[in-house]
Amino acid sequence: LKEFFFFFSKEEWYQKTLFIITADHTNFSGATAVDYQKHRYSIPIIFYHPKNDTSFVSPQIMQQTDIMPTLFSFCQWNDSFSSFGNNALDSTLYHFTINYLSNSYLLFIDQYLIEFDGKNIQYIWDLSANANERRKEKKDCPRIDEYEKLLQSIIQQFNNKLIYNKL
């Protein structure tokens, strides 16, 4: 990356470019040095602008669908657009990620990982807890009804947009 940025830093467009660097898949399968349950979908997402001298690591959870709203915000795009993501740099928004694997939707929200089969919540994992105490019951998750409705609404929106070619 150092050579890449050095090489292109001489180009006219360089100072006007927001670089977004990310991965298309994770690399935690079988890794023993990381908390697999918590990080099994973790990838780096880096936003770099040559004129921005501030840097920080966001504590917000984000997903690849957050890239477009974050980019639009950075560019001060004010027109409407449709996205399943959020501006990752806006701490006032509700941040979460959703994945689909082996017939289950996986919602990472707050400190929880919620596994949903499309009809019912199958498992709730408290990722802030000790690995042996992570599996929780619905009663142990105070906002579980809210999380379940969020999941159902996103699935419904996605399916409707897919059916009517509006994605």
C-alpha atoms as a PDB file:
ATOM      1  CA  LEU A   1       0.000   0.000   0.000  1.00  0.00           C
ATOM      2  CA  LYS A   2       2.858   2.340   0.780  1.00  0.00           C
ATOM      3  CA  GLU A   3       4.224   1.950  -2.761  1.00  0.00           C
ATOM      4  CA  PHE A   4       0.743   2.322  -4.254  1.00  0.00           C
ATOM      5  CA  PHE A   5       0.122   5.619  -2.478  1.00  0.00           C
ATOM      6  CA  PHE A   6       3.621   6.890  -3.176  1.00  0.00           C
ATOM      7  CA  PHE A   7       3.284   6.112  -6.891  1.00  0.00           C
ATOM      8  CA  PHE A   8      -0.138   7.742  -7.300  1.00  0.00           C
ATOM      9  CA  SER A   9       0.503  10.695  -4.993  1.00  0.00           C
ATOM     10  CA  LYS A  10       2.028  12.503  -7.957  1.00  0.00           C
ATOM     11  CA  GLU A  11      -1.182  12.297  -9.982  1.00  0.00           C
ATOM     12  CA  GLU A  12      -3.414  15.353 -10.367  1.00  0.00           C
ATOM     13  CA  TRP A  13      -6.511  13.530  -9.089  1.00  0.00           C
ATOM     14  CA  TYR A  14      -4.821  12.119  -5.977  1.00  0.00           C
ATOM     15  CA  GLN A  15      -5.622  15.021  -3.603  1.00  0.00           C
ATOM     16  CA  LYS A  16      -9.295  14.859  -4.640  1.00  0.00           C
ATOM     17  CA  THR A  17      -9.739  11.111  -4.135  1.00  0.00           C
ATOM     18  CA  LEU A  18     -11.265   9.189  -1.264  1.00  0.00           C
ATOM     19  CA  PHE A  19      -9.687   5.746  -1.211  1.00  0.00           C
ATOM     20  CA  ILE A  20     -11.762   2.903   0.188  1.00  0.00           C
ATOM     21  CA  ILE A  21      -9.907  -0.278   1.004  1.00  0.00           C
ATOM     22  CA  THR A  22     -11.703  -3.429   2.094  1.00  0.00           C
ATOM     23  CA  ALA A  23     -11.835  -7.176   1.704  1.00  0.00           C
ATOM     24  CA  ASP A  24     -14.449  -9.338   0.059  1.00  0.00           C
ATOM     25  CA  HIS A  25     -14.306 -12.155   2.614  1.00  0.00           C
ATOM     26  CA  THR A  26     -12.955 -12.975   6.037  1.00  0.00           C
ATOM     27  CA  ASN A  27      -9.953 -15.010   7.003  1.00  0.00           C
ATOM     28  CA  PHE A  28     -10.902 -16.226  10.477  1.00  0.00           C
ATOM     29  CA  SER A  29     -11.985 -19.762   9.675  1.00  0.00           C
ATOM     30  CA  GLY A  30     -10.060 -22.015  12.016  1.00  0.00           C
ATOM     31  CA  ALA A  31      -8.064 -19.161  13.530  1.00  0.00           C
ATOM     32  CA  THR A  32      -7.258 -19.824  17.163  1.00  0.00           C
ATOM     33  CA  ALA A  33      -5.862 -16.425  18.137  1.00  0.00           C
ATOM     34  CA  VAL A  34      -9.179 -14.602  17.622  1.00  0.00           C
ATOM     35  CA  ASP A  35     -12.635 -14.855  19.129  1.00  0.00           C
ATOM     36  CA  TYR A  36     -14.250 -16.659  16.192  1.00  0.00           C
ATOM     37  CA  GLN A  37     -17.871 -16.202  17.284  1.00  0.00           C
ATOM     38  CA  LYS A  38     -17.360 -12.459  17.634  1.00  0.00           C
ATOM     39  CA  HIS A  39     -15.118 -11.882  14.594  1.00  0.00           C
ATOM     40  CA  ARG A  40     -16.100 -14.535  12.085  1.00  0.00           C
ATOM     41  CA  TYR A  41     -17.255 -11.871   9.648  1.00  0.00           C
ATOM     42  CA  SER A  42     -14.697  -9.181  10.472  1.00  0.00           C
ATOM     43  CA  ILE A  43     -12.894  -7.498   7.604  1.00  0.00           C
ATOM     44  CA  PRO A  44     -10.987  -4.228   7.413  1.00  0.00           C
ATOM     45  CA  ILE A  45     -12.691  -1.216   5.885  1.00  0.00           C
ATOM     46  CA  ILE A  46     -10.446   1.803   5.516  1.00  0.00           C
ATOM     47  CA  PHE A  47     -11.421   5.261   4.290  1.00  0.00           C
ATOM     48  CA  TYR A  48      -8.411   7.393   3.353  1.00  0.00           C
ATOM     49  CA  HIS A  49      -8.329  10.906   1.964  1.00  0.00           C
ATOM     50  CA  PRO A  50      -4.921  12.588   1.459  1.00  0.00           C
ATOM     51  CA  LYS A  51      -6.157  15.936   2.802  1.00  0.00           C
ATOM     52  CA  ASN A  52      -7.727  14.491   5.939  1.00  0.00           C
ATOM     53  CA  ASP A  53      -5.135  14.501   8.689  1.00  0.00           C
ATOM     54  CA  THR A  54      -7.325  12.903  11.352  1.00  0.00           C
ATOM     55  CA  SER A  55      -7.422   9.186  11.824  1.00  0.00           C
ATOM     56  CA  PHE A  56      -9.361   7.005  14.191  1.00  0.00           C
ATOM     57  CA  VAL A  57     -10.692   3.502  14.556  1.00  0.00           C
ATOM     58  CA  SER A  58     -14.444   3.546  14.685  1.00  0.00           C
ATOM     59  CA  PRO A  59     -16.035   1.540  17.465  1.00  0.00           C
ATOM     60  CA  GLN A  60     -19.127   1.140  15.283  1.00  0.00           C
ATOM     61  CA  ILE A  61     -19.922  -2.194  13.741  1.00  0.00           C
ATOM     62  CA  MET A  62     -20.277  -1.821  10.005  1.00  0.00           C
ATOM     63  CA  GLN A  63     -20.845  -3.882   6.901  1.00  0.00           C
ATOM     64  CA  GLN A  64     -20.001  -3.450   3.247  1.00  0.00           C
ATOM     65  CA  THR A  65     -23.443  -1.973   2.572  1.00  0.00           C
ATOM     66  CA  ASP A  66     -22.337   0.941   4.796  1.00  0.00           C
ATOM     67  CA  ILE A  67     -19.672   1.974   2.282  1.00  0.00           C
ATOM     68  CA  MET A  68     -22.025   3.785  -0.108  1.00  0.00           C
ATOM     69  CA  PRO A  69     -23.846   5.889   2.539  1.00  0.00           C
ATOM     70  CA  THR A  70     -20.491   6.716   4.155  1.00  0.00           C
ATOM     71  CA  LEU A  71     -19.040   7.749   0.798  1.00  0.00           C
ATOM     72  CA  PHE A  72     -22.102   9.860  -0.021  1.00  0.00           C
ATOM     73  CA  SER A  73     -21.878  11.590   3.346  1.00  0.00           C
ATOM     74  CA  PHE A  74     -18.175  12.267   2.876  1.00  0.00           C
ATOM     75  CA  CYS A  75     -18.909  13.801  -0.539  1.00  0.00           C
ATOM     76  CA  GLN A  76     -21.849  15.757   0.954  1.00  0.00           C
ATOM     77  CA  TRP A  77     -24.305  14.110  -1.405  1.00  0.00           C
ATOM     78  CA  ASN A  78     -27.754  15.335  -0.382  1.00  0.00           C
ATOM     79  CA  ASP A  79     -29.971  13.616  -2.959  1.00  0.00           C
ATOM     80  CA  SER A  80     -32.027  10.634  -1.892  1.00  0.00           C
ATOM     81  CA  PHE A  81     -30.807   7.096  -2.427  1.00  0.00           C
ATOM     82  CA  SER A  82     -31.760   3.604  -1.337  1.00  0.00           C
ATOM     83  CA  SER A  83     -29.417   1.542   0.782  1.00  0.00           C
ATOM     84  CA  PHE A  84     -29.480  -1.191   3.396  1.00  0.00           C
ATOM     85  CA  GLY A  85     -26.443   0.421   5.007  1.00  0.00           C
ATOM     86  CA  ASN A  86     -25.739   3.441   7.197  1.00  0.00           C
ATOM     87  CA  ASN A  87     -23.141   6.177   7.281  1.00  0.00           C
ATOM     88  CA  ALA A  88     -20.446   4.475   9.356  1.00  0.00           C
ATOM     89  CA  LEU A  89     -19.124   7.821  10.564  1.00  0.00           C
ATOM     90  CA  ASP A  90     -22.455   8.901  12.062  1.00  0.00           C
ATOM     91  CA  SER A  91     -22.511   7.742  15.679  1.00  0.00           C
ATOM     92  CA  THR A  92     -26.161   8.779  16.065  1.00  0.00           C
ATOM     93  CA  LEU A  93     -27.341   5.984  13.768  1.00  0.00           C
ATOM     94  CA  TYR A  94     -28.223   2.462  14.817  1.00  0.00           C
ATOM     95  CA  HIS A  95     -25.355   0.262  13.627  1.00  0.00           C
ATOM     96  CA  PHE A  96     -25.726  -3.448  12.912  1.00  0.00           C
ATOM     97  CA  THR A  97     -24.789  -6.069  10.349  1.00  0.00           C
ATOM     98  CA  ILE A  98     -26.767  -8.878   8.794  1.00  0.00           C
ATOM     99  CA  ASN A  99     -25.369 -11.990   7.142  1.00  0.00           C
ATOM    100  CA  TYR A 100     -26.983 -15.087   5.718  1.00  0.00           C
ATOM    101  CA  LEU A 101     -25.314 -18.458   6.178  1.00  0.00           C
ATOM    102  CA  SER A 102     -26.609 -22.045   6.126  1.00  0.00           C
ATOM    103  CA  ASN A 103     -30.281 -21.054   6.086  1.00  0.00           C
ATOM    104  CA  SER A 104     -29.867 -18.609   8.980  1.00  0.00           C
ATOM    105  CA  TYR A 105     -29.842 -14.842   9.149  1.00  0.00           C
ATOM    106  CA  LEU A 106     -27.189 -13.554  11.540  1.00  0.00           C
ATOM    107  CA  LEU A 107     -27.808 -10.162  13.113  1.00  0.00           C
ATOM    108  CA  PHE A 108     -24.877  -8.557  14.920  1.00  0.00           C
ATOM    109  CA  ILE A 109     -26.278  -5.708  17.003  1.00  0.00           C
ATOM    110  CA  ASP A 110     -25.090  -4.053  20.187  1.00  0.00           C
ATOM    111  CA  GLN A 111     -23.318  -6.874  22.034  1.00  0.00           C
ATOM    112  CA  TYR A 112     -25.445  -9.651  20.532  1.00  0.00           C
ATOM    113  CA  LEU A 113     -25.336 -12.134  17.691  1.00  0.00           C
ATOM    114  CA  ILE A 114     -28.850 -13.335  16.922  1.00  0.00           C
ATOM    115  CA  GLU A 115     -29.457 -16.350  14.693  1.00  0.00           C
ATOM    116  CA  PHE A 116     -32.828 -16.296  12.938  1.00  0.00           C
ATOM    117  CA  ASP A 117     -34.193 -18.979  10.592  1.00  0.00           C
ATOM    118  CA  GLY A 118     -36.674 -16.687   8.838  1.00  0.00           C
ATOM    119  CA  LYS A 119     -39.470 -17.564  11.235  1.00  0.00           C
ATOM    120  CA  ASN A 120     -37.997 -17.866  14.714  1.00  0.00           C
ATOM    121  CA  ILE A 121     -34.962 -16.836  16.681  1.00  0.00           C
ATOM    122  CA  GLN A 122     -32.817 -19.929  17.077  1.00  0.00           C
ATOM    123  CA  TYR A 123     -29.969 -18.626  19.231  1.00  0.00           C
ATOM    124  CA  ILE A 124     -28.892 -15.476  21.020  1.00  0.00           C
ATOM    125  CA  TRP A 125     -25.211 -15.013  21.772  1.00  0.00           C
ATOM    126  CA  ASP A 126     -23.951 -12.308  24.145  1.00  0.00           C
ATOM    127  CA  LEU A 127     -20.572 -11.482  22.620  1.00  0.00           C
ATOM    128  CA  SER A 128     -19.502  -9.390  25.597  1.00  0.00           C
ATOM    129  CA  ALA A 129     -19.793 -12.393  27.937  1.00  0.00           C
ATOM    130  CA  ASN A 130     -17.309 -15.112  28.750  1.00  0.00           C
ATOM    131  CA  ALA A 131     -17.219 -17.689  25.945  1.00  0.00           C
ATOM    132  CA  ASN A 132     -18.812 -20.310  28.228  1.00  0.00           C
ATOM    133  CA  GLU A 133     -21.683 -17.980  29.158  1.00  0.00           C
ATOM    134  CA  ARG A 134     -22.551 -16.534  25.764  1.00  0.00           C
ATOM    135  CA  ARG A 135     -25.652 -18.486  24.824  1.00  0.00           C
ATOM    136  CA  LYS A 136     -28.680 -16.631  26.158  1.00  0.00           C
ATOM    137  CA  GLU A 137     -32.417 -17.045  26.334  1.00  0.00           C
ATOM    138  CA  LYS A 138     -34.854 -14.469  24.968  1.00  0.00           C
ATOM    139  CA  LYS A 139     -35.581 -13.263  28.494  1.00  0.00           C
ATOM    140  CA  ASP A 140     -31.886 -12.406  28.921  1.00  0.00           C
ATOM    141  CA  CYS A 141     -31.907  -9.975  25.984  1.00  0.00           C
ATOM    142  CA  PRO A 142     -34.018  -6.926  26.925  1.00  0.00           C
ATOM    143  CA  ARG A 143     -34.448  -5.617  23.360  1.00  0.00           C
ATOM    144  CA  ILE A 144     -34.976  -8.959  21.621  1.00  0.00           C
ATOM    145  CA  ASP A 145     -38.472  -8.062  20.344  1.00  0.00           C
ATOM    146  CA  GLU A 146     -37.081  -4.889  18.764  1.00  0.00           C
ATOM    147  CA  TYR A 147     -34.189  -6.808  17.193  1.00  0.00           C
ATOM    148  CA  GLU A 148     -36.532  -9.469  15.828  1.00  0.00           C
ATOM    149  CA  LYS A 149     -38.781  -6.833  14.222  1.00  0.00           C
ATOM    150  CA  LEU A 150     -35.741  -5.119  12.710  1.00  0.00           C
ATOM    151  CA  LEU A 151     -34.585  -8.408  11.191  1.00  0.00           C
ATOM    152  CA  GLN A 152     -38.032  -9.248   9.849  1.00  0.00           C
ATOM    153  CA  SER A 153     -38.487  -5.795   8.314  1.00  0.00           C
ATOM    154  CA  ILE A 154     -35.089  -5.852   6.581  1.00  0.00           C
ATOM    155  CA  ILE A 155     -35.717  -9.337   5.198  1.00  0.00           C
ATOM    156  CA  GLN A 156     -39.145  -8.244   3.958  1.00  0.00           C
ATOM    157  CA  GLN A 157     -37.782  -5.056   2.363  1.00  0.00           C
ATOM    158  CA  PHE A 158     -34.958  -6.938   0.680  1.00  0.00           C
ATOM    159  CA  ASN A 159     -37.254  -9.669  -0.673  1.00  0.00           C
ATOM    160  CA  ASN A 160     -39.814  -7.139  -1.949  1.00  0.00           C
ATOM    161  CA  LYS A 161     -37.138  -5.054  -3.658  1.00  0.00           C
ATOM    162  CA  LEU A 162     -35.658  -8.195  -5.191  1.00  0.00           C
ATOM    163  CA  ILE A 163     -39.038  -9.422  -6.467  1.00  0.00           C
ATOM    164  CA  TYR A 164     -39.900  -6.046  -7.999  1.00  0.00           C
ATOM    165  CA  ASN A 165     -36.392  -5.371  -9.333  1.00  0.00           C
ATOM    166  CA  LYS A 166     -35.905  -2.303  -7.105  1.00  0.00           C
ATOM    167  CA  LEU A 167     -32.562  -3.142  -5.465  1.00  0.00           C
END
